[in-house]
Amino acid sequence: MTLPASIPVSRGLHMLRIVLYVLAGLVLALGLIASLSLMTSAANMVANLVLPLQLMGAEVASNLIAPMLTGFFTNLGIFTLVLSFTLSALLYALGRLTGYIAALEARIAQLEVKS
């Protein structure tokens, strides 16, 4: 089966590649924002979470819970950072592979037209 040379064979793959690149950038940017906000504001969030305990007179319980919650939010921020880097790298690699597939498809279409 021969295709005319004027038909773009892989226009959909080029659009998918661009979408994957944009999605990789968005995942990276939003992951950085989320992880930095979790790590920097962990102490403030914990202070707001244990405030009802302090108001009820449970100072001892709030003093025991506060360091654990601060560490939890900090570790959650680190996990979010690693996860966003990983997902962003995978989406970028998928975009690159899709670009290679589109180029290969275009070369195969040119070879079919020549023969």
PDB file of N, CA and C in Angstrom:
ATOM      1  N   MET A   1       0.854  -1.180   0.000  1.00  0.00           N
ATOM      2  CA  MET A   1       0.000   0.000   0.000  1.00  0.00           C
ATOM      3  C   MET A   1       0.893   1.233   0.000  1.00  0.00           C
ATOM      4  N   THR A   2       0.714   2.091  -0.943  1.00  0.00           N
ATOM      5  CA  THR A   2       1.523   3.303  -1.030  1.00  0.00           C
ATOM      6  C   THR A   2       0.683   4.502  -0.633  1.00  0.00           C
ATOM      7  N   LEU A   3       1.318   5.409   0.056  1.00  0.00           N
ATOM      8  CA  LEU A   3       0.669   6.626   0.507  1.00  0.00           C
ATOM      9  C   LEU A   3       1.225   7.804  -0.266  1.00  0.00           C
ATOM     10  N   PRO A   4       0.397   8.759  -0.604  1.00  0.00           N
ATOM     11  CA  PRO A   4       0.921   9.962  -1.250  1.00  0.00           C
ATOM     12  C   PRO A   4       1.855  10.710  -0.303  1.00  0.00           C
ATOM     13  N   ALA A   5       2.817  11.397  -0.872  1.00  0.00           N
ATOM     14  CA  ALA A   5       3.816  12.088  -0.053  1.00  0.00           C
ATOM     15  C   ALA A   5       3.231  13.280   0.693  1.00  0.00           C
ATOM     16  N   SER A   6       2.075  13.776   0.271  1.00  0.00           N
ATOM     17  CA  SER A   6       1.512  14.972   0.900  1.00  0.00           C
ATOM     18  C   SER A   6       0.746  14.656   2.187  1.00  0.00           C
ATOM     19  N   ILE A   7       0.467  13.389   2.487  1.00  0.00           N
ATOM     20  CA  ILE A   7      -0.291  13.038   3.683  1.00  0.00           C
ATOM     21  C   ILE A   7       0.656  12.987   4.886  1.00  0.00           C
ATOM     22  N   PRO A   8       0.403  13.815   5.917  1.00  0.00           N
ATOM     23  CA  PRO A   8       1.235  13.717   7.117  1.00  0.00           C
ATOM     24  C   PRO A   8       0.887  12.437   7.882  1.00  0.00           C
ATOM     25  N   VAL A   9       1.856  11.569   8.015  1.00  0.00           N
ATOM     26  CA  VAL A   9       1.601  10.252   8.582  1.00  0.00           C
ATOM     27  C   VAL A   9       1.457  10.313  10.091  1.00  0.00           C
ATOM     28  N   SER A  10       2.291  11.075  10.742  1.00  0.00           N
ATOM     29  CA  SER A  10       2.350  10.994  12.201  1.00  0.00           C
ATOM     30  C   SER A  10       2.042  12.320  12.884  1.00  0.00           C
ATOM     31  N   ARG A  11       1.051  13.040  12.407  1.00  0.00           N
ATOM     32  CA  ARG A  11       0.699  14.314  13.025  1.00  0.00           C
ATOM     33  C   ARG A  11       0.163  14.097  14.445  1.00  0.00           C
ATOM     34  N   GLY A  12      -0.587  13.021  14.628  1.00  0.00           N
ATOM     35  CA  GLY A  12      -1.109  12.715  15.957  1.00  0.00           C
ATOM     36  C   GLY A  12      -0.008  12.386  16.946  1.00  0.00           C
ATOM     37  N   LEU A  13       1.021  11.689  16.469  1.00  0.00           N
ATOM     38  CA  LEU A  13       2.140  11.363  17.355  1.00  0.00           C
ATOM     39  C   LEU A  13       2.939  12.606  17.738  1.00  0.00           C
ATOM     40  N   HIS A  14       3.052  13.559  16.811  1.00  0.00           N
ATOM     41  CA  HIS A  14       3.747  14.811  17.151  1.00  0.00           C
ATOM     42  C   HIS A  14       2.966  15.593  18.203  1.00  0.00           C
ATOM     43  N   MET A  15       1.646  15.599  18.085  1.00  0.00           N
ATOM     44  CA  MET A  15       0.835  16.281  19.089  1.00  0.00           C
ATOM     45  C   MET A  15       0.935  15.573  20.442  1.00  0.00           C
ATOM     46  N   LEU A  16       0.933  14.244  20.415  1.00  0.00           N
ATOM     47  CA  LEU A  16       1.080  13.485  21.653  1.00  0.00           C
ATOM     48  C   LEU A  16       2.429  13.761  22.303  1.00  0.00           C
ATOM     49  N   ARG A  17       3.463  13.894  21.493  1.00  0.00           N
ATOM     50  CA  ARG A  17       4.794  14.199  22.020  1.00  0.00           C
ATOM     51  C   ARG A  17       4.803  15.552  22.719  1.00  0.00           C
ATOM     52  N   ILE A  18       4.182  16.536  22.107  1.00  0.00           N
ATOM     53  CA  ILE A  18       4.133  17.871  22.706  1.00  0.00           C
ATOM     54  C   ILE A  18       3.325  17.844  24.003  1.00  0.00           C
ATOM     55  N   VAL A  19       2.211  17.124  23.993  1.00  0.00           N
ATOM     56  CA  VAL A  19       1.386  17.015  25.192  1.00  0.00           C
ATOM     57  C   VAL A  19       2.168  16.346  26.318  1.00  0.00           C
ATOM     58  N   LEU A  20       2.937  15.317  25.996  1.00  0.00           N
ATOM     59  CA  LEU A  20       3.732  14.632  27.015  1.00  0.00           C
ATOM     60  C   LEU A  20       4.826  15.538  27.574  1.00  0.00           C
ATOM     61  N   TYR A  21       5.450  16.343  26.722  1.00  0.00           N
ATOM     62  CA  TYR A  21       6.462  17.286  27.212  1.00  0.00           C
ATOM     63  C   TYR A  21       5.838  18.331  28.147  1.00  0.00           C
ATOM     64  N   VAL A  22       4.681  18.852  27.761  1.00  0.00           N
ATOM     65  CA  VAL A  22       4.007  19.852  28.596  1.00  0.00           C
ATOM     66  C   VAL A  22       3.576  19.227  29.918  1.00  0.00           C
ATOM     67  N   LEU A  23       3.059  18.006  29.847  1.00  0.00           N
ATOM     68  CA  LEU A  23       2.639  17.317  31.069  1.00  0.00           C
ATOM     69  C   LEU A  23       3.824  17.036  31.990  1.00  0.00           C
ATOM     70  N   ALA A  24       4.971  16.688  31.410  1.00  0.00           N
ATOM     71  CA  ALA A  24       6.173  16.466  32.216  1.00  0.00           C
ATOM     72  C   ALA A  24       6.591  17.752  32.929  1.00  0.00           C
ATOM     73  N   GLY A  25       6.522  18.869  32.222  1.00  0.00           N
ATOM     74  CA  GLY A  25       6.855  20.142  32.841  1.00  0.00           C
ATOM     75  C   GLY A  25       5.887  20.531  33.942  1.00  0.00           C
ATOM     76  N   LEU A  26       4.592  20.293  33.708  1.00  0.00           N
ATOM     77  CA  LEU A  26       3.595  20.604  34.727  1.00  0.00           C
ATOM     78  C   LEU A  26       3.761  19.738  35.968  1.00  0.00           C
ATOM     79  N   VAL A  27       4.014  18.457  35.772  1.00  0.00           N
ATOM     80  CA  VAL A  27       4.220  17.562  36.918  1.00  0.00           C
ATOM     81  C   VAL A  27       5.434  18.005  37.721  1.00  0.00           C
ATOM     82  N   LEU A  28       6.495  18.379  37.030  1.00  0.00           N
ATOM     83  CA  LEU A  28       7.698  18.827  37.724  1.00  0.00           C
ATOM     84  C   LEU A  28       7.449  20.124  38.488  1.00  0.00           C
ATOM     85  N   ALA A  29       6.811  21.086  37.839  1.00  0.00           N
ATOM     86  CA  ALA A  29       6.571  22.377  38.488  1.00  0.00           C
ATOM     87  C   ALA A  29       5.626  22.238  39.684  1.00  0.00           C
ATOM     88  N   LEU A  30       4.530  21.521  39.502  1.00  0.00           N
ATOM     89  CA  LEU A  30       3.580  21.364  40.596  1.00  0.00           C
ATOM     90  C   LEU A  30       4.152  20.512  41.726  1.00  0.00           C
ATOM     91  N   GLY A  31       4.973  19.514  41.380  1.00  0.00           N
ATOM     92  CA  GLY A  31       5.620  18.715  42.415  1.00  0.00           C
ATOM     93  C   GLY A  31       6.607  19.527  43.226  1.00  0.00           C
ATOM     94  N   LEU A  32       7.361  20.401  42.542  1.00  0.00           N
ATOM     95  CA  LEU A  32       8.292  21.269  43.267  1.00  0.00           C
ATOM     96  C   LEU A  32       7.547  22.218  44.200  1.00  0.00           C
ATOM     97  N   ILE A  33       6.463  22.797  43.711  1.00  0.00           N
ATOM     98  CA  ILE A  33       5.692  23.720  44.545  1.00  0.00           C
ATOM     99  C   ILE A  33       5.110  22.997  45.754  1.00  0.00           C
ATOM    100  N   ALA A  34       4.530  21.821  45.518  1.00  0.00           N
ATOM    101  CA  ALA A  34       3.916  21.075  46.618  1.00  0.00           C
ATOM    102  C   ALA A  34       4.955  20.623  47.639  1.00  0.00           C
ATOM    103  N   SER A  35       6.080  20.121  47.161  1.00  0.00           N
ATOM    104  CA  SER A  35       7.089  19.620  48.099  1.00  0.00           C
ATOM    105  C   SER A  35       7.736  20.755  48.884  1.00  0.00           C
ATOM    106  N   LEU A  36       8.019  21.853  48.229  1.00  0.00           N
ATOM    107  CA  LEU A  36       8.607  22.980  48.963  1.00  0.00           C
ATOM    108  C   LEU A  36       7.631  23.557  49.979  1.00  0.00           C
ATOM    109  N   SER A  37       6.360  23.619  49.615  1.00  0.00           N
ATOM    110  CA  SER A  37       5.401  24.149  50.591  1.00  0.00           C
ATOM    111  C   SER A  37       5.207  23.188  51.760  1.00  0.00           C
ATOM    112  N   LEU A  38       5.263  21.880  51.494  1.00  0.00           N
ATOM    113  CA  LEU A  38       5.153  20.925  52.594  1.00  0.00           C
ATOM    114  C   LEU A  38       6.363  20.992  53.522  1.00  0.00           C
ATOM    115  N   MET A  39       7.550  21.105  52.946  1.00  0.00           N
ATOM    116  CA  MET A  39       8.758  21.098  53.779  1.00  0.00           C
ATOM    117  C   MET A  39       8.944  22.396  54.550  1.00  0.00           C
ATOM    118  N   THR A  40       8.597  23.517  53.939  1.00  0.00           N
ATOM    119  CA  THR A  40       8.853  24.788  54.619  1.00  0.00           C
ATOM    120  C   THR A  40       7.782  25.148  55.637  1.00  0.00           C
ATOM    121  N   SER A  41       6.570  24.703  55.409  1.00  0.00           N
ATOM    122  CA  SER A  41       5.503  25.084  56.337  1.00  0.00           C
ATOM    123  C   SER A  41       5.068  23.934  57.235  1.00  0.00           C
ATOM    124  N   ALA A  42       5.905  22.942  57.410  1.00  0.00           N
ATOM    125  CA  ALA A  42       5.541  21.796  58.250  1.00  0.00           C
ATOM    126  C   ALA A  42       5.309  22.216  59.697  1.00  0.00           C
ATOM    127  N   ALA A  43       6.158  23.056  60.220  1.00  0.00           N
ATOM    128  CA  ALA A  43       6.018  23.474  61.623  1.00  0.00           C
ATOM    129  C   ALA A  43       4.755  24.305  61.829  1.00  0.00           C
ATOM    130  N   ASN A  44       4.428  25.167  60.868  1.00  0.00           N
ATOM    131  CA  ASN A  44       3.218  25.982  61.002  1.00  0.00           C
ATOM    132  C   ASN A  44       1.956  25.133  60.912  1.00  0.00           C
ATOM    133  N   MET A  45       1.957  24.143  60.020  1.00  0.00           N
ATOM    134  CA  MET A  45       0.791  23.273  59.908  1.00  0.00           C
ATOM    135  C   MET A  45       0.587  22.466  61.181  1.00  0.00           C
ATOM    136  N   VAL A  46       1.677  21.985  61.746  1.00  0.00           N
ATOM    137  CA  VAL A  46       1.569  21.199  62.979  1.00  0.00           C
ATOM    138  C   VAL A  46       1.077  22.070  64.125  1.00  0.00           C
ATOM    139  N   ALA A  47       1.548  23.292  64.188  1.00  0.00           N
ATOM    140  CA  ALA A  47       1.088  24.194  65.250  1.00  0.00           C
ATOM    141  C   ALA A  47      -0.414  24.432  65.139  1.00  0.00           C
ATOM    142  N   ASN A  48      -0.916  24.536  63.923  1.00  0.00           N
ATOM    143  CA  ASN A  48      -2.351  24.727  63.738  1.00  0.00           C
ATOM    144  C   ASN A  48      -3.141  23.447  64.018  1.00  0.00           C
ATOM    145  N   LEU A  49      -2.536  22.298  63.759  1.00  0.00           N
ATOM    146  CA  LEU A  49      -3.228  21.045  64.001  1.00  0.00           C
ATOM    147  C   LEU A  49      -3.330  20.694  65.484  1.00  0.00           C
ATOM    148  N   VAL A  50      -2.317  21.040  66.256  1.00  0.00           N
ATOM    149  CA  VAL A  50      -2.335  20.692  67.684  1.00  0.00           C
ATOM    150  C   VAL A  50      -2.934  21.803  68.542  1.00  0.00           C
ATOM    151  N   LEU A  51      -3.351  22.897  67.939  1.00  0.00           N
ATOM    152  CA  LEU A  51      -3.951  23.991  68.694  1.00  0.00           C
ATOM    153  C   LEU A  51      -5.200  23.559  69.460  1.00  0.00           C
ATOM    154  N   PRO A  52      -6.109  22.766  68.885  1.00  0.00           N
ATOM    155  CA  PRO A  52      -7.268  22.329  69.699  1.00  0.00           C
ATOM    156  C   PRO A  52      -6.862  21.510  70.925  1.00  0.00           C
ATOM    157  N   LEU A  53      -5.819  20.708  70.789  1.00  0.00           N
ATOM    158  CA  LEU A  53      -5.346  19.956  71.962  1.00  0.00           C
ATOM    159  C   LEU A  53      -4.810  20.883  73.033  1.00  0.00           C
ATOM    160  N   GLN A  54      -4.101  21.906  72.641  1.00  0.00           N
ATOM    161  CA  GLN A  54      -3.571  22.851  73.615  1.00  0.00           C
ATOM    162  C   GLN A  54      -4.679  23.653  74.276  1.00  0.00           C
ATOM    163  N   LEU A  55      -5.720  23.966  73.503  1.00  0.00           N
ATOM    164  CA  LEU A  55      -6.830  24.724  74.083  1.00  0.00           C
ATOM    165  C   LEU A  55      -7.629  23.895  75.076  1.00  0.00           C
ATOM    166  N   MET A  56      -7.643  22.575  74.881  1.00  0.00           N
ATOM    167  CA  MET A  56      -8.363  21.704  75.816  1.00  0.00           C
ATOM    168  C   MET A  56      -7.515  21.344  77.029  1.00  0.00           C
ATOM    169  N   GLY A  57      -6.284  21.801  77.066  1.00  0.00           N
ATOM    170  CA  GLY A  57      -5.436  21.544  78.217  1.00  0.00           C
ATOM    171  C   GLY A  57      -4.576  20.308  78.089  1.00  0.00           C
ATOM    172  N   ALA A  58      -4.458  19.757  76.925  1.00  0.00           N
ATOM    173  CA  ALA A  58      -3.650  18.554  76.716  1.00  0.00           C
ATOM    174  C   ALA A  58      -2.286  18.958  76.165  1.00  0.00           C
ATOM    175  N   GLU A  59      -1.552  19.733  76.945  1.00  0.00           N
ATOM    176  CA  GLU A  59      -0.230  20.203  76.518  1.00  0.00           C
ATOM    177  C   GLU A  59       0.744  19.045  76.309  1.00  0.00           C
ATOM    178  N   VAL A  60       0.654  18.040  77.184  1.00  0.00           N
ATOM    179  CA  VAL A  60       1.584  16.910  77.097  1.00  0.00           C
ATOM    180  C   VAL A  60       1.359  16.145  75.798  1.00  0.00           C
ATOM    181  N   ALA A  61       0.101  15.910  75.450  1.00  0.00           N
ATOM    182  CA  ALA A  61      -0.210  15.178  74.218  1.00  0.00           C
ATOM    183  C   ALA A  61       0.229  15.975  72.996  1.00  0.00           C
ATOM    184  N   SER A  62      -0.001  17.279  73.026  1.00  0.00           N
ATOM    185  CA  SER A  62       0.399  18.087  71.872  1.00  0.00           C
ATOM    186  C   SER A  62       1.920  18.163  71.749  1.00  0.00           C
ATOM    187  N   ASN A  63       2.627  18.177  72.869  1.00  0.00           N
ATOM    188  CA  ASN A  63       4.091  18.185  72.813  1.00  0.00           C
ATOM    189  C   ASN A  63       4.649  16.851  72.320  1.00  0.00           C
ATOM    190  N   LEU A  64       3.925  15.759  72.543  1.00  0.00           N
ATOM    191  CA  LEU A  64       4.360  14.456  72.030  1.00  0.00           C
ATOM    192  C   LEU A  64       4.056  14.292  70.550  1.00  0.00           C
ATOM    193  N   ILE A  65       2.948  14.839  70.107  1.00  0.00           N
ATOM    194  CA  ILE A  65       2.517  14.656  68.721  1.00  0.00           C
ATOM    195  C   ILE A  65       3.224  15.612  67.765  1.00  0.00           C
ATOM    196  N   ALA A  66       3.529  16.815  68.206  1.00  0.00           N
ATOM    197  CA  ALA A  66       4.068  17.853  67.323  1.00  0.00           C
ATOM    198  C   ALA A  66       5.350  17.438  66.595  1.00  0.00           C
ATOM    199  N   PRO A  67       6.380  16.884  67.265  1.00  0.00           N
ATOM    200  CA  PRO A  67       7.588  16.512  66.506  1.00  0.00           C
ATOM    201  C   PRO A  67       7.340  15.403  65.483  1.00  0.00           C
ATOM    202  N   MET A  68       6.450  14.459  65.837  1.00  0.00           N
ATOM    203  CA  MET A  68       6.164  13.378  64.892  1.00  0.00           C
ATOM    204  C   MET A  68       5.445  13.908  63.655  1.00  0.00           C
ATOM    205  N   LEU A  69       4.504  14.813  63.847  1.00  0.00           N
ATOM    206  CA  LEU A  69       3.789  15.378  62.704  1.00  0.00           C
ATOM    207  C   LEU A  69       4.698  16.259  61.848  1.00  0.00           C
ATOM    208  N   THR A  70       5.598  16.994  62.486  1.00  0.00           N
ATOM    209  CA  THR A  70       6.540  17.818  61.732  1.00  0.00           C
ATOM    210  C   THR A  70       7.437  16.936  60.863  1.00  0.00           C
ATOM    211  N   GLY A  71       7.944  15.866  61.425  1.00  0.00           N
ATOM    212  CA  GLY A  71       8.755  14.929  60.650  1.00  0.00           C
ATOM    213  C   GLY A  71       7.957  14.266  59.547  1.00  0.00           C
ATOM    214  N   PHE A  72       6.691  13.950  59.825  1.00  0.00           N
ATOM    215  CA  PHE A  72       5.845  13.333  58.806  1.00  0.00           C
ATOM    216  C   PHE A  72       5.639  14.263  57.619  1.00  0.00           C
ATOM    217  N   PHE A  73       5.331  15.532  57.874  1.00  0.00           N
ATOM    218  CA  PHE A  73       5.108  16.479  56.779  1.00  0.00           C
ATOM    219  C   PHE A  73       6.395  16.763  56.011  1.00  0.00           C
ATOM    220  N   THR A  74       7.525  16.800  56.700  1.00  0.00           N
ATOM    221  CA  THR A  74       8.804  16.985  56.015  1.00  0.00           C
ATOM    222  C   THR A  74       9.120  15.787  55.127  1.00  0.00           C
ATOM    223  N   ASN A  75       8.917  14.578  55.651  1.00  0.00           N
ATOM    224  CA  ASN A  75       9.159  13.380  54.851  1.00  0.00           C
ATOM    225  C   ASN A  75       8.171  13.268  53.694  1.00  0.00           C
ATOM    226  N   LEU A  76       6.945  13.714  53.904  1.00  0.00           N
ATOM    227  CA  LEU A  76       5.958  13.721  52.834  1.00  0.00           C
ATOM    228  C   LEU A  76       6.376  14.689  51.726  1.00  0.00           C
ATOM    229  N   GLY A  77       6.969  15.812  52.094  1.00  0.00           N
ATOM    230  CA  GLY A  77       7.483  16.756  51.102  1.00  0.00           C
ATOM    231  C   GLY A  77       8.630  16.165  50.302  1.00  0.00           C
ATOM    232  N   ILE A  78       9.526  15.439  50.968  1.00  0.00           N
ATOM    233  CA  ILE A  78      10.643  14.794  50.265  1.00  0.00           C
ATOM    234  C   ILE A  78      10.117  13.712  49.328  1.00  0.00           C
ATOM    235  N   PHE A  79       9.149  12.934  49.792  1.00  0.00           N
ATOM    236  CA  PHE A  79       8.553  11.900  48.952  1.00  0.00           C
ATOM    237  C   PHE A  79       7.869  12.516  47.735  1.00  0.00           C
ATOM    238  N   THR A  80       7.179  13.628  47.927  1.00  0.00           N
ATOM    239  CA  THR A  80       6.523  14.315  46.817  1.00  0.00           C
ATOM    240  C   THR A  80       7.548  14.815  45.814  1.00  0.00           C
ATOM    241  N   LEU A  81       8.663  15.315  46.280  1.00  0.00           N
ATOM    242  CA  LEU A  81       9.719  15.791  45.394  1.00  0.00           C
ATOM    243  C   LEU A  81      10.301  14.654  44.563  1.00  0.00           C
ATOM    244  N   VAL A  82      10.608  13.542  45.207  1.00  0.00           N
ATOM    245  CA  VAL A  82      11.165  12.394  44.485  1.00  0.00           C
ATOM    246  C   VAL A  82      10.155  11.835  43.494  1.00  0.00           C
ATOM    247  N   LEU A  83       8.895  11.748  43.915  1.00  0.00           N
ATOM    248  CA  LEU A  83       7.852  11.223  43.032  1.00  0.00           C
ATOM    249  C   LEU A  83       7.629  12.129  41.826  1.00  0.00           C
ATOM    250  N   SER A  84       7.649  13.422  42.025  1.00  0.00           N
ATOM    251  CA  SER A  84       7.450  14.335  40.895  1.00  0.00           C
ATOM    252  C   SER A  84       8.632  14.282  39.932  1.00  0.00           C
ATOM    253  N   PHE A  85       9.857  14.179  40.453  1.00  0.00           N
ATOM    254  CA  PHE A  85      11.008  14.028  39.562  1.00  0.00           C
ATOM    255  C   PHE A  85      10.908  12.742  38.755  1.00  0.00           C
ATOM    256  N   THR A  86      10.508  11.663  39.400  1.00  0.00           N
ATOM    257  CA  THR A  86      10.406  10.376  38.721  1.00  0.00           C
ATOM    258  C   THR A  86       9.329  10.406  37.642  1.00  0.00           C
ATOM    259  N   LEU A  87       8.145  10.895  37.985  1.00  0.00           N
ATOM    260  CA  LEU A  87       7.065  10.952  37.000  1.00  0.00           C
ATOM    261  C   LEU A  87       7.398  11.901  35.853  1.00  0.00           C
ATOM    262  N   SER A  88       8.039  12.998  36.169  1.00  0.00           N
ATOM    263  CA  SER A  88       8.425  13.942  35.123  1.00  0.00           C
ATOM    264  C   SER A  88       9.455  13.330  34.177  1.00  0.00           C
ATOM    265  N   ALA A  89      10.420  12.614  34.725  1.00  0.00           N
ATOM    266  CA  ALA A  89      11.420  11.959  33.883  1.00  0.00           C
ATOM    267  C   ALA A  89      10.788  10.878  33.012  1.00  0.00           C
ATOM    268  N   LEU A  90       9.840  10.128  33.566  1.00  0.00           N
ATOM    269  CA  LEU A  90       9.164   9.103  32.776  1.00  0.00           C
ATOM    270  C   LEU A  90       8.317   9.704  31.665  1.00  0.00           C
ATOM    271  N   LEU A  91       7.610  10.780  31.961  1.00  0.00           N
ATOM    272  CA  LEU A  91       6.817  11.432  30.919  1.00  0.00           C
ATOM    273  C   LEU A  91       7.698  12.044  29.838  1.00  0.00           C
ATOM    274  N   TYR A  92       8.829  12.613  30.230  1.00  0.00           N
ATOM    275  CA  TYR A  92       9.761  13.159  29.245  1.00  0.00           C
ATOM    276  C   TYR A  92      10.323  12.054  28.360  1.00  0.00           C
ATOM    277  N   ALA A  93      10.703  10.936  28.967  1.00  0.00           N
ATOM    278  CA  ALA A  93      11.230   9.816  28.177  1.00  0.00           C
ATOM    279  C   ALA A  93      10.162   9.266  27.241  1.00  0.00           C
ATOM    280  N   LEU A  94       8.930   9.221  27.697  1.00  0.00           N
ATOM    281  CA  LEU A  94       7.846   8.758  26.841  1.00  0.00           C
ATOM    282  C   LEU A  94       7.629   9.717  25.673  1.00  0.00           C
ATOM    283  N   GLY A  95       7.774  11.004  25.915  1.00  0.00           N
ATOM    284  CA  GLY A  95       7.687  11.982  24.837  1.00  0.00           C
ATOM    285  C   GLY A  95       8.800  11.810  23.824  1.00  0.00           C
ATOM    286  N   ARG A  96      10.005  11.557  24.311  1.00  0.00           N
ATOM    287  CA  ARG A  96      11.128  11.319  23.391  1.00  0.00           C
ATOM    288  C   ARG A  96      10.894  10.076  22.549  1.00  0.00           C
ATOM    289  N   LEU A  97      10.431   8.994  23.189  1.00  0.00           N
ATOM    290  CA  LEU A  97      10.170   7.760  22.462  1.00  0.00           C
ATOM    291  C   LEU A  97       9.058   7.943  21.436  1.00  0.00           C
ATOM    292  N   THR A  98       8.050   8.719  21.780  1.00  0.00           N
ATOM    293  CA  THR A  98       6.980   8.996  20.828  1.00  0.00           C
ATOM    294  C   THR A  98       7.514   9.795  19.639  1.00  0.00           C
ATOM    295  N   GLY A  99       8.425  10.712  19.883  1.00  0.00           N
ATOM    296  CA  GLY A  99       9.058  11.451  18.782  1.00  0.00           C
ATOM    297  C   GLY A  99       9.862  10.543  17.872  1.00  0.00           C
ATOM    298  N   TYR A 100      10.576   9.593  18.461  1.00  0.00           N
ATOM    299  CA  TYR A 100      11.332   8.638  17.648  1.00  0.00           C
ATOM    300  C   TYR A 100      10.401   7.756  16.819  1.00  0.00           C
ATOM    301  N   ILE A 101       9.280   7.362  17.405  1.00  0.00           N
ATOM    302  CA  ILE A 101       8.308   6.545  16.675  1.00  0.00           C
ATOM    303  C   ILE A 101       7.721   7.338  15.515  1.00  0.00           C
ATOM    304  N   ALA A 102       7.431   8.617  15.739  1.00  0.00           N
ATOM    305  CA  ALA A 102       6.881   9.451  14.669  1.00  0.00           C
ATOM    306  C   ALA A 102       7.890   9.612  13.531  1.00  0.00           C
ATOM    307  N   ALA A 103       9.165   9.801  13.876  1.00  0.00           N
ATOM    308  CA  ALA A 103      10.191   9.933  12.839  1.00  0.00           C
ATOM    309  C   ALA A 103      10.361   8.624  12.066  1.00  0.00           C
ATOM    310  N   LEU A 104      10.321   7.526  12.771  1.00  0.00           N
ATOM    311  CA  LEU A 104      10.427   6.225  12.107  1.00  0.00           C
ATOM    312  C   LEU A 104       9.239   5.974  11.190  1.00  0.00           C
ATOM    313  N   GLU A 105       8.066   6.352  11.641  1.00  0.00           N
ATOM    314  CA  GLU A 105       6.869   6.188  10.810  1.00  0.00           C
ATOM    315  C   GLU A 105       6.961   7.045   9.549  1.00  0.00           C
ATOM    316  N   ALA A 106       7.486   8.259   9.672  1.00  0.00           N
ATOM    317  CA  ALA A 106       7.644   9.118   8.501  1.00  0.00           C
ATOM    318  C   ALA A 106       8.676   8.534   7.539  1.00  0.00           C
ATOM    319  N   ARG A 107       9.756   7.989   8.045  1.00  0.00           N
ATOM    320  CA  ARG A 107      10.753   7.373   7.153  1.00  0.00           C
ATOM    321  C   ARG A 107      10.201   6.158   6.453  1.00  0.00           C
ATOM    322  N   ILE A 108       9.418   5.350   7.153  1.00  0.00           N
ATOM    323  CA  ILE A 108       8.807   4.174   6.521  1.00  0.00           C
ATOM    324  C   ILE A 108       7.835   4.602   5.440  1.00  0.00           C
ATOM    325  N   ALA A 109       7.074   5.664   5.684  1.00  0.00           N
ATOM    326  CA  ALA A 109       6.140   6.162   4.670  1.00  0.00           C
ATOM    327  C   ALA A 109       6.893   6.655   3.439  1.00  0.00           C
ATOM    328  N   GLN A 110       8.045   7.324   3.632  1.00  0.00           N
ATOM    329  CA  GLN A 110       8.848   7.777   2.490  1.00  0.00           C
ATOM    330  C   GLN A 110       9.396   6.590   1.718  1.00  0.00           C
ATOM    331  N   LEU A 111       9.819   5.550   2.411  1.00  0.00           N
ATOM    332  CA  LEU A 111      10.324   4.359   1.712  1.00  0.00           C
ATOM    333  C   LEU A 111       9.224   3.654   0.928  1.00  0.00           C
ATOM    334  N   GLU A 112       8.013   3.646   1.468  1.00  0.00           N
ATOM    335  CA  GLU A 112       6.906   3.025   0.753  1.00  0.00           C
ATOM    336  C   GLU A 112       6.545   3.811  -0.484  1.00  0.00           C
ATOM    337  N   VAL A 113       6.663   5.138  -0.430  1.00  0.00           N
ATOM    338  CA  VAL A 113       6.357   5.965  -1.591  1.00  0.00           C
ATOM    339  C   VAL A 113       7.407   5.763  -2.673  1.00  0.00           C
ATOM    340  N   LYS A 114       8.664   5.599  -2.294  1.00  0.00           N
ATOM    341  CA  LYS A 114       9.748   5.412  -3.269  1.00  0.00           C
ATOM    342  C   LYS A 114       9.640   4.078  -3.980  1.00  0.00           C
ATOM    343  N   SER A 115       9.145   3.061  -3.298  1.00  0.00           N
ATOM    344  CA  SER A 115       9.138   1.733  -3.923  1.00  0.00           C
ATOM    345  C   SER A 115       7.900   1.449  -4.718  1.00  0.00           C
TER     346      SER A 115
END
